[in-house]
Amino acid sequence: MTTVTLRPMTPAEFEEWQEQLAQDYAQEQVAAGRWPREGAVQRAREESAGLLPEGLDTPRMLVLRGHDADGEPVGRAWVALDGPRGIPGAAFLYDIEVVEERRGRGFGRALLVAVEDAARQAGATTLELNVFGQNRTAVALYDSAGYDVVTQQMRKTL
């Protein structure tokens, strides 16, 4: 079985991640039809800064890097121990991503398991997340990992 160990991100990793996160999140929001392309990256940066006002030192946030058994990086994750809906004990997974060249080898599931364990050890009793519908791989992973749909938003182009 593939295993992943976690550690906090370094300041340099955090800066690089923030830029990549803004680019990726903006692209997903534009593709989903939620944001206009113009200004999307800046909007994504602002949302992230609002959620992480003290960067890596923001209380009740887990900003993590995952590594394989050889110490090689496999991905990253960001968990808020106090989810946005205010449910006691409900942490929220804002970001999880496997390094592109490591995908398809079980690291996604192993990273998710490690993140769940870290959230549990920090006192969370549930872990919530949002996933874009077009991300079929992630939807399948979460479904097979036991996540239930609790809300669903749908759209049809007319």
N, C-alpha and C. Protein backbone atom coordinates (compact mmCIF):
# COMPACT_ATOMS: atom_id res chain seq x y z
N MET A 1 0.85 -1.19 0.00
CA MET A 1 0.00 0.00 0.00
C MET A 1 0.89 1.25 0.00
N THR A 2 0.50 2.23 -0.78
CA THR A 2 1.23 3.49 -0.86
C THR A 2 0.97 4.29 0.40
N THR A 3 2.02 4.86 0.98
CA THR A 3 1.86 5.71 2.16
C THR A 3 2.48 7.06 1.89
N VAL A 4 1.93 8.05 2.57
CA VAL A 4 2.41 9.43 2.47
C VAL A 4 2.58 9.96 3.88
N THR A 5 3.69 10.64 4.12
CA THR A 5 3.88 11.35 5.38
C THR A 5 3.75 12.84 5.11
N LEU A 6 3.31 13.56 6.13
CA LEU A 6 3.06 14.99 5.99
C LEU A 6 4.02 15.79 6.85
N ARG A 7 4.28 17.01 6.40
CA ARG A 7 5.01 17.99 7.19
C ARG A 7 4.50 19.37 6.80
N PRO A 8 4.69 20.35 7.69
CA PRO A 8 4.27 21.71 7.34
C PRO A 8 5.08 22.24 6.14
N MET A 9 4.45 23.06 5.34
CA MET A 9 5.16 23.72 4.24
C MET A 9 6.19 24.69 4.79
N THR A 10 7.25 24.86 4.03
CA THR A 10 8.24 25.89 4.35
C THR A 10 7.75 27.22 3.80
N PRO A 11 8.31 28.35 4.25
CA PRO A 11 7.91 29.64 3.68
C PRO A 11 8.12 29.71 2.17
N ALA A 12 9.20 29.17 1.65
CA ALA A 12 9.43 29.20 0.20
C ALA A 12 8.38 28.37 -0.54
N GLU A 13 8.07 27.19 -0.01
CA GLU A 13 7.04 26.35 -0.61
C GLU A 13 5.69 27.06 -0.57
N PHE A 14 5.42 27.75 0.53
CA PHE A 14 4.16 28.47 0.68
C PHE A 14 4.01 29.53 -0.40
N GLU A 15 5.04 30.31 -0.64
CA GLU A 15 4.97 31.36 -1.66
C GLU A 15 4.71 30.77 -3.04
N GLU A 16 5.43 29.72 -3.38
CA GLU A 16 5.25 29.06 -4.67
C GLU A 16 3.84 28.49 -4.79
N TRP A 17 3.37 27.85 -3.71
CA TRP A 17 2.04 27.26 -3.70
C TRP A 17 0.96 28.32 -3.85
N GLN A 18 1.10 29.44 -3.19
CA GLN A 18 0.09 30.49 -3.27
C GLN A 18 -0.11 30.96 -4.71
N GLU A 19 0.99 31.11 -5.45
CA GLU A 19 0.87 31.53 -6.84
C GLU A 19 0.21 30.45 -7.69
N GLN A 20 0.64 29.20 -7.52
CA GLN A 20 0.05 28.10 -8.28
C GLN A 20 -1.42 27.91 -7.91
N LEU A 21 -1.73 28.01 -6.62
CA LEU A 21 -3.11 27.88 -6.17
C LEU A 21 -4.00 28.94 -6.81
N ALA A 22 -3.53 30.19 -6.85
CA ALA A 22 -4.32 31.27 -7.44
C ALA A 22 -4.58 30.99 -8.92
N GLN A 23 -3.55 30.56 -9.63
CA GLN A 23 -3.71 30.26 -11.06
C GLN A 23 -4.72 29.13 -11.27
N ASP A 24 -4.55 28.04 -10.52
CA ASP A 24 -5.42 26.87 -10.68
C ASP A 24 -6.86 27.18 -10.28
N TYR A 25 -7.03 27.83 -9.14
CA TYR A 25 -8.37 28.13 -8.64
C TYR A 25 -9.10 29.09 -9.59
N ALA A 26 -8.39 30.08 -10.08
CA ALA A 26 -9.00 31.02 -11.03
C ALA A 26 -9.45 30.29 -12.29
N GLN A 27 -8.60 29.41 -12.79
CA GLN A 27 -8.93 28.66 -14.00
C GLN A 27 -10.17 27.78 -13.77
N GLU A 28 -10.25 27.14 -12.61
CA GLU A 28 -11.42 26.30 -12.30
C GLU A 28 -12.69 27.13 -12.20
N GLN A 29 -12.61 28.29 -11.56
CA GLN A 29 -13.78 29.16 -11.42
C GLN A 29 -14.24 29.67 -12.78
N VAL A 30 -13.30 30.02 -13.66
CA VAL A 30 -13.65 30.50 -15.00
C VAL A 30 -14.27 29.35 -15.80
N ALA A 31 -13.65 28.17 -15.75
CA ALA A 31 -14.17 27.02 -16.49
C ALA A 31 -15.57 26.62 -16.02
N ALA A 32 -15.83 26.81 -14.73
CA ALA A 32 -17.15 26.48 -14.17
C ALA A 32 -18.18 27.56 -14.47
N GLY A 33 -17.75 28.67 -15.06
CA GLY A 33 -18.67 29.74 -15.39
C GLY A 33 -19.04 30.61 -14.21
N ARG A 34 -18.29 30.54 -13.14
CA ARG A 34 -18.61 31.31 -11.93
C ARG A 34 -17.95 32.68 -11.91
N TRP A 35 -16.80 32.81 -12.56
CA TRP A 35 -16.07 34.08 -12.59
C TRP A 35 -15.72 34.44 -14.02
N PRO A 36 -15.68 35.75 -14.33
CA PRO A 36 -15.14 36.15 -15.63
C PRO A 36 -13.63 35.96 -15.63
N ARG A 37 -13.04 35.72 -16.80
CA ARG A 37 -11.60 35.51 -16.91
C ARG A 37 -10.82 36.73 -16.41
N GLU A 38 -11.28 37.90 -16.79
CA GLU A 38 -10.58 39.12 -16.39
C GLU A 38 -10.65 39.30 -14.87
N GLY A 39 -9.50 39.40 -14.26
CA GLY A 39 -9.42 39.62 -12.82
C GLY A 39 -9.54 38.36 -11.98
N ALA A 40 -9.67 37.19 -12.61
CA ALA A 40 -9.90 35.95 -11.86
C ALA A 40 -8.71 35.58 -10.97
N VAL A 41 -7.50 35.73 -11.48
CA VAL A 41 -6.33 35.34 -10.68
C VAL A 41 -6.19 36.26 -9.47
N GLN A 42 -6.40 37.54 -9.68
CA GLN A 42 -6.32 38.47 -8.55
C GLN A 42 -7.41 38.16 -7.52
N ARG A 43 -8.58 37.85 -7.98
CA ARG A 43 -9.67 37.50 -7.07
C ARG A 43 -9.31 36.25 -6.27
N ALA A 44 -8.70 35.25 -6.92
CA ALA A 44 -8.29 34.03 -6.24
C ALA A 44 -7.22 34.35 -5.19
N ARG A 45 -6.26 35.21 -5.54
CA ARG A 45 -5.23 35.61 -4.56
C ARG A 45 -5.86 36.27 -3.34
N GLU A 46 -6.84 37.13 -3.58
CA GLU A 46 -7.49 37.85 -2.49
C GLU A 46 -8.28 36.90 -1.59
N GLU A 47 -8.97 35.93 -2.18
CA GLU A 47 -9.70 34.96 -1.37
C GLU A 47 -8.76 34.16 -0.48
N SER A 48 -7.66 33.72 -1.06
CA SER A 48 -6.68 32.94 -0.30
C SER A 48 -6.08 33.79 0.83
N ALA A 49 -5.74 35.04 0.52
CA ALA A 49 -5.17 35.92 1.54
C ALA A 49 -6.17 36.18 2.66
N GLY A 50 -7.44 36.24 2.33
CA GLY A 50 -8.47 36.44 3.35
C GLY A 50 -8.60 35.24 4.27
N LEU A 51 -8.37 34.04 3.74
CA LEU A 51 -8.47 32.82 4.54
C LEU A 51 -7.17 32.52 5.30
N LEU A 52 -6.06 33.05 4.79
CA LEU A 52 -4.76 32.83 5.41
C LEU A 52 -4.10 34.19 5.71
N PRO A 53 -4.74 35.02 6.55
CA PRO A 53 -4.24 36.38 6.76
C PRO A 53 -2.84 36.43 7.39
N GLU A 54 -2.45 35.38 8.09
CA GLU A 54 -1.11 35.33 8.68
C GLU A 54 -0.23 34.30 7.97
N GLY A 55 -0.59 33.99 6.74
CA GLY A 55 0.18 33.03 5.96
C GLY A 55 0.27 31.70 6.68
N LEU A 56 1.47 31.13 6.71
CA LEU A 56 1.68 29.85 7.38
C LEU A 56 1.37 29.89 8.86
N ASP A 57 1.38 31.07 9.45
CA ASP A 57 1.13 31.21 10.89
C ASP A 57 -0.34 31.44 11.23
N THR A 58 -1.22 31.34 10.23
CA THR A 58 -2.64 31.51 10.49
C THR A 58 -3.13 30.39 11.41
N PRO A 59 -3.71 30.75 12.55
CA PRO A 59 -4.17 29.72 13.48
C PRO A 59 -5.23 28.81 12.87
N ARG A 60 -5.23 27.56 13.31
CA ARG A 60 -6.24 26.56 12.97
C ARG A 60 -6.22 26.17 11.48
N MET A 61 -5.05 26.34 10.86
CA MET A 61 -4.87 25.93 9.47
C MET A 61 -3.73 24.93 9.40
N LEU A 62 -3.92 23.88 8.60
CA LEU A 62 -2.87 22.93 8.29
C LEU A 62 -2.49 23.14 6.84
N VAL A 63 -1.27 23.56 6.60
CA VAL A 63 -0.76 23.79 5.25
C VAL A 63 0.42 22.83 5.10
N LEU A 64 0.22 21.78 4.33
CA LEU A 64 1.08 20.60 4.40
C LEU A 64 1.67 20.18 3.06
N ARG A 65 2.82 19.53 3.14
CA ARG A 65 3.44 18.86 2.00
C ARG A 65 3.46 17.37 2.30
N GLY A 66 3.18 16.56 1.28
CA GLY A 66 3.21 15.12 1.42
C GLY A 66 4.44 14.55 0.74
N HIS A 67 5.02 13.52 1.38
CA HIS A 67 6.21 12.87 0.85
C HIS A 67 6.03 11.36 0.86
N ASP A 68 6.68 10.69 -0.10
CA ASP A 68 6.63 9.24 -0.14
C ASP A 68 7.65 8.65 0.83
N ALA A 69 7.77 7.33 0.83
CA ALA A 69 8.66 6.63 1.77
C ALA A 69 10.13 7.01 1.56
N ASP A 70 10.49 7.48 0.37
CA ASP A 70 11.87 7.90 0.09
C ASP A 70 12.10 9.37 0.37
N GLY A 71 11.07 10.07 0.87
CA GLY A 71 11.20 11.49 1.15
C GLY A 71 10.97 12.40 -0.03
N GLU A 72 10.54 11.83 -1.14
CA GLU A 72 10.29 12.62 -2.35
C GLU A 72 8.90 13.25 -2.27
N PRO A 73 8.75 14.51 -2.70
CA PRO A 73 7.44 15.16 -2.64
C PRO A 73 6.42 14.49 -3.55
N VAL A 74 5.20 14.36 -3.02
CA VAL A 74 4.11 13.79 -3.82
C VAL A 74 2.91 14.73 -3.92
N GLY A 75 2.82 15.73 -3.05
CA GLY A 75 1.67 16.62 -3.13
C GLY A 75 1.59 17.59 -1.98
N ARG A 76 0.44 18.24 -1.90
CA ARG A 76 0.20 19.27 -0.90
C ARG A 76 -1.25 19.22 -0.46
N ALA A 77 -1.52 19.86 0.67
CA ALA A 77 -2.90 19.95 1.16
C ALA A 77 -3.04 21.15 2.09
N TRP A 78 -4.25 21.68 2.13
CA TRP A 78 -4.59 22.80 3.00
C TRP A 78 -5.92 22.50 3.65
N VAL A 79 -5.92 22.45 4.98
CA VAL A 79 -7.12 22.14 5.76
C VAL A 79 -7.37 23.24 6.77
N ALA A 80 -8.59 23.75 6.81
CA ALA A 80 -9.02 24.65 7.86
C ALA A 80 -9.68 23.79 8.93
N LEU A 81 -9.19 23.89 10.15
CA LEU A 81 -9.75 23.08 11.23
C LEU A 81 -11.12 23.58 11.67
N ASP A 82 -11.46 24.80 11.31
CA ASP A 82 -12.80 25.36 11.53
C ASP A 82 -13.39 25.64 10.16
N GLY A 83 -14.28 24.76 9.70
CA GLY A 83 -14.85 24.88 8.37
C GLY A 83 -15.71 26.12 8.20
N PRO A 84 -15.95 26.52 6.96
CA PRO A 84 -16.69 27.75 6.68
C PRO A 84 -18.16 27.72 7.08
N ARG A 85 -18.73 26.53 7.27
CA ARG A 85 -20.15 26.46 7.66
C ARG A 85 -20.34 26.52 9.17
N GLY A 86 -19.24 26.54 9.93
CA GLY A 86 -19.32 26.70 11.38
C GLY A 86 -19.82 25.50 12.15
N ILE A 87 -19.77 24.34 11.56
CA ILE A 87 -20.23 23.12 12.24
C ILE A 87 -19.12 22.66 13.19
N PRO A 88 -19.43 22.50 14.46
CA PRO A 88 -18.39 22.06 15.41
C PRO A 88 -17.75 20.74 14.98
N GLY A 89 -16.43 20.72 14.99
CA GLY A 89 -15.68 19.52 14.65
C GLY A 89 -15.49 19.29 13.16
N ALA A 90 -16.10 20.12 12.32
CA ALA A 90 -16.02 19.93 10.86
C ALA A 90 -14.87 20.75 10.28
N ALA A 91 -13.81 20.06 9.89
CA ALA A 91 -12.70 20.71 9.20
C ALA A 91 -13.06 20.80 7.71
N PHE A 92 -12.31 21.63 6.98
CA PHE A 92 -12.61 21.83 5.57
C PHE A 92 -11.33 21.72 4.76
N LEU A 93 -11.34 20.86 3.75
CA LEU A 93 -10.21 20.65 2.86
C LEU A 93 -10.31 21.65 1.71
N TYR A 94 -9.49 22.70 1.77
CA TYR A 94 -9.51 23.72 0.72
C TYR A 94 -8.72 23.31 -0.51
N ASP A 95 -7.64 22.57 -0.31
CA ASP A 95 -6.80 22.22 -1.45
C ASP A 95 -6.10 20.91 -1.18
N ILE A 96 -6.05 20.07 -2.18
CA ILE A 96 -5.25 18.86 -2.15
C ILE A 96 -4.85 18.59 -3.59
N GLU A 97 -3.57 18.32 -3.78
CA GLU A 97 -3.11 18.07 -5.14
C GLU A 97 -1.87 17.19 -5.11
N VAL A 98 -1.85 16.23 -6.01
CA VAL A 98 -0.70 15.36 -6.19
C VAL A 98 0.16 15.96 -7.30
N VAL A 99 1.47 15.94 -7.10
CA VAL A 99 2.41 16.40 -8.11
C VAL A 99 2.10 15.67 -9.41
N GLU A 100 2.03 16.41 -10.51
CA GLU A 100 1.56 15.85 -11.78
C GLU A 100 2.26 14.56 -12.18
N GLU A 101 3.57 14.51 -12.08
CA GLU A 101 4.29 13.32 -12.52
C GLU A 101 4.14 12.12 -11.57
N ARG A 102 3.50 12.32 -10.42
CA ARG A 102 3.29 11.22 -9.46
C ARG A 102 1.84 10.71 -9.49
N ARG A 103 1.01 11.27 -10.36
CA ARG A 103 -0.40 10.89 -10.41
C ARG A 103 -0.58 9.50 -11.01
N GLY A 104 -1.71 8.87 -10.63
CA GLY A 104 -2.04 7.56 -11.17
C GLY A 104 -1.32 6.41 -10.51
N ARG A 105 -0.67 6.66 -9.36
CA ARG A 105 0.08 5.60 -8.67
C ARG A 105 -0.36 5.41 -7.23
N GLY A 106 -1.57 5.91 -6.89
CA GLY A 106 -2.09 5.70 -5.55
C GLY A 106 -1.75 6.79 -4.55
N PHE A 107 -1.01 7.80 -4.99
CA PHE A 107 -0.62 8.86 -4.06
C PHE A 107 -1.79 9.76 -3.67
N GLY A 108 -2.78 9.92 -4.55
CA GLY A 108 -3.94 10.75 -4.22
C GLY A 108 -4.68 10.18 -3.02
N ARG A 109 -4.96 8.91 -3.07
CA ARG A 109 -5.66 8.25 -1.96
C ARG A 109 -4.79 8.28 -0.70
N ALA A 110 -3.51 7.99 -0.84
CA ALA A 110 -2.61 7.98 0.33
C ALA A 110 -2.49 9.37 0.94
N LEU A 111 -2.42 10.40 0.10
CA LEU A 111 -2.36 11.77 0.60
C LEU A 111 -3.65 12.12 1.32
N LEU A 112 -4.78 11.74 0.76
CA LEU A 112 -6.07 12.01 1.39
C LEU A 112 -6.16 11.32 2.75
N VAL A 113 -5.74 10.08 2.83
CA VAL A 113 -5.76 9.35 4.11
C VAL A 113 -4.87 10.06 5.13
N ALA A 114 -3.69 10.49 4.72
CA ALA A 114 -2.78 11.18 5.64
C ALA A 114 -3.38 12.50 6.11
N VAL A 115 -4.04 13.22 5.22
CA VAL A 115 -4.69 14.49 5.57
C VAL A 115 -5.84 14.24 6.55
N GLU A 116 -6.64 13.21 6.29
CA GLU A 116 -7.73 12.86 7.21
C GLU A 116 -7.17 12.56 8.60
N ASP A 117 -6.08 11.81 8.65
CA ASP A 117 -5.46 11.48 9.94
C ASP A 117 -4.97 12.74 10.65
N ALA A 118 -4.36 13.65 9.91
CA ALA A 118 -3.86 14.90 10.51
C ALA A 118 -5.01 15.73 11.05
N ALA A 119 -6.11 15.81 10.30
CA ALA A 119 -7.28 16.57 10.76
C ALA A 119 -7.89 15.92 12.01
N ARG A 120 -7.96 14.60 12.01
CA ARG A 120 -8.49 13.87 13.16
C ARG A 120 -7.61 14.12 14.39
N GLN A 121 -6.30 14.04 14.23
CA GLN A 121 -5.37 14.28 15.33
C GLN A 121 -5.47 15.71 15.86
N ALA A 122 -5.89 16.64 15.00
CA ALA A 122 -6.04 18.04 15.42
C ALA A 122 -7.42 18.30 16.02
N GLY A 123 -8.26 17.25 16.14
CA GLY A 123 -9.55 17.39 16.80
C GLY A 123 -10.77 17.38 15.91
N ALA A 124 -10.59 17.29 14.60
CA ALA A 124 -11.74 17.27 13.69
C ALA A 124 -12.46 15.93 13.78
N THR A 125 -13.77 15.98 13.65
CA THR A 125 -14.57 14.76 13.63
C THR A 125 -15.12 14.47 12.24
N THR A 126 -15.13 15.47 11.38
CA THR A 126 -15.53 15.29 9.98
C THR A 126 -14.63 16.18 9.12
N LEU A 127 -14.56 15.82 7.84
CA LEU A 127 -13.81 16.61 6.87
C LEU A 127 -14.71 16.86 5.67
N GLU A 128 -14.91 18.13 5.37
CA GLU A 128 -15.75 18.52 4.24
C GLU A 128 -14.86 19.08 3.14
N LEU A 129 -15.40 19.13 1.93
CA LEU A 129 -14.67 19.70 0.80
C LEU A 129 -15.65 20.04 -0.30
N ASN A 130 -15.21 20.85 -1.22
CA ASN A 130 -15.94 21.11 -2.46
C ASN A 130 -15.09 20.57 -3.59
N VAL A 131 -15.73 20.08 -4.63
CA VAL A 131 -15.01 19.60 -5.80
C VAL A 131 -15.79 20.06 -7.03
N PHE A 132 -15.06 20.55 -8.03
CA PHE A 132 -15.70 20.97 -9.26
C PHE A 132 -16.17 19.73 -10.02
N GLY A 133 -17.39 19.81 -10.55
CA GLY A 133 -18.00 18.66 -11.21
C GLY A 133 -17.21 18.12 -12.38
N GLN A 134 -16.47 18.98 -13.07
CA GLN A 134 -15.70 18.52 -14.23
C GLN A 134 -14.46 17.73 -13.81
N ASN A 135 -14.11 17.74 -12.53
CA ASN A 135 -12.94 17.00 -12.04
C ASN A 135 -13.38 15.58 -11.67
N ARG A 136 -13.65 14.79 -12.70
CA ARG A 136 -14.20 13.44 -12.51
C ARG A 136 -13.27 12.53 -11.70
N THR A 137 -11.97 12.70 -11.87
CA THR A 137 -11.02 11.87 -11.12
C THR A 137 -11.15 12.12 -9.63
N ALA A 138 -11.22 13.39 -9.25
CA ALA A 138 -11.37 13.73 -7.83
C ALA A 138 -12.71 13.28 -7.29
N VAL A 139 -13.76 13.48 -8.06
CA VAL A 139 -15.09 13.04 -7.63
C VAL A 139 -15.08 11.55 -7.35
N ALA A 140 -14.48 10.77 -8.25
CA ALA A 140 -14.41 9.32 -8.06
C ALA A 140 -13.58 8.95 -6.83
N LEU A 141 -12.47 9.66 -6.61
CA LEU A 141 -11.64 9.40 -5.43
C LEU A 141 -12.44 9.64 -4.15
N TYR A 142 -13.08 10.79 -4.06
CA TYR A 142 -13.83 11.11 -2.84
C TYR A 142 -14.98 10.13 -2.62
N ASP A 143 -15.66 9.77 -3.70
CA ASP A 143 -16.75 8.80 -3.58
C ASP A 143 -16.23 7.46 -3.05
N SER A 144 -15.13 6.98 -3.62
CA SER A 144 -14.59 5.69 -3.20
C SER A 144 -13.97 5.76 -1.80
N ALA A 145 -13.63 6.96 -1.34
CA ALA A 145 -13.05 7.14 0.00
C ALA A 145 -14.14 7.33 1.06
N GLY A 146 -15.41 7.28 0.66
CA GLY A 146 -16.50 7.33 1.63
C GLY A 146 -17.12 8.70 1.86
N TYR A 147 -16.79 9.68 1.02
CA TYR A 147 -17.40 11.00 1.15
C TYR A 147 -18.81 10.95 0.58
N ASP A 148 -19.73 11.63 1.25
CA ASP A 148 -21.12 11.71 0.80
C ASP A 148 -21.41 13.10 0.26
N VAL A 149 -22.24 13.19 -0.75
CA VAL A 149 -22.69 14.48 -1.27
C VAL A 149 -23.68 15.05 -0.26
N VAL A 150 -23.40 16.26 0.23
CA VAL A 150 -24.32 16.90 1.18
C VAL A 150 -25.03 18.09 0.56
N THR A 151 -24.46 18.67 -0.48
CA THR A 151 -25.14 19.70 -1.27
C THR A 151 -24.67 19.49 -2.70
N GLN A 152 -25.48 19.95 -3.66
CA GLN A 152 -25.10 19.80 -5.05
C GLN A 152 -25.66 20.96 -5.84
N GLN A 153 -24.82 21.56 -6.63
CA GLN A 153 -25.25 22.64 -7.51
C GLN A 153 -25.12 22.15 -8.93
N MET A 154 -26.15 22.38 -9.75
CA MET A 154 -26.12 21.87 -11.12
C MET A 154 -26.43 23.01 -12.09
N ARG A 155 -25.99 22.82 -13.34
CA ARG A 155 -26.21 23.84 -14.38
C ARG A 155 -26.38 23.15 -15.71
N LYS A 156 -27.22 23.72 -16.56
CA LYS A 156 -27.37 23.27 -17.93
C LYS A 156 -27.26 24.48 -18.82
N THR A 157 -26.42 24.38 -19.84
CA THR A 157 -26.30 25.46 -20.81
C THR A 157 -27.50 25.43 -21.72
N LEU A 158 -28.15 26.57 -21.87
CA LEU A 158 -29.36 26.65 -22.74
C LEU A 158 -29.05 27.33 -24.05
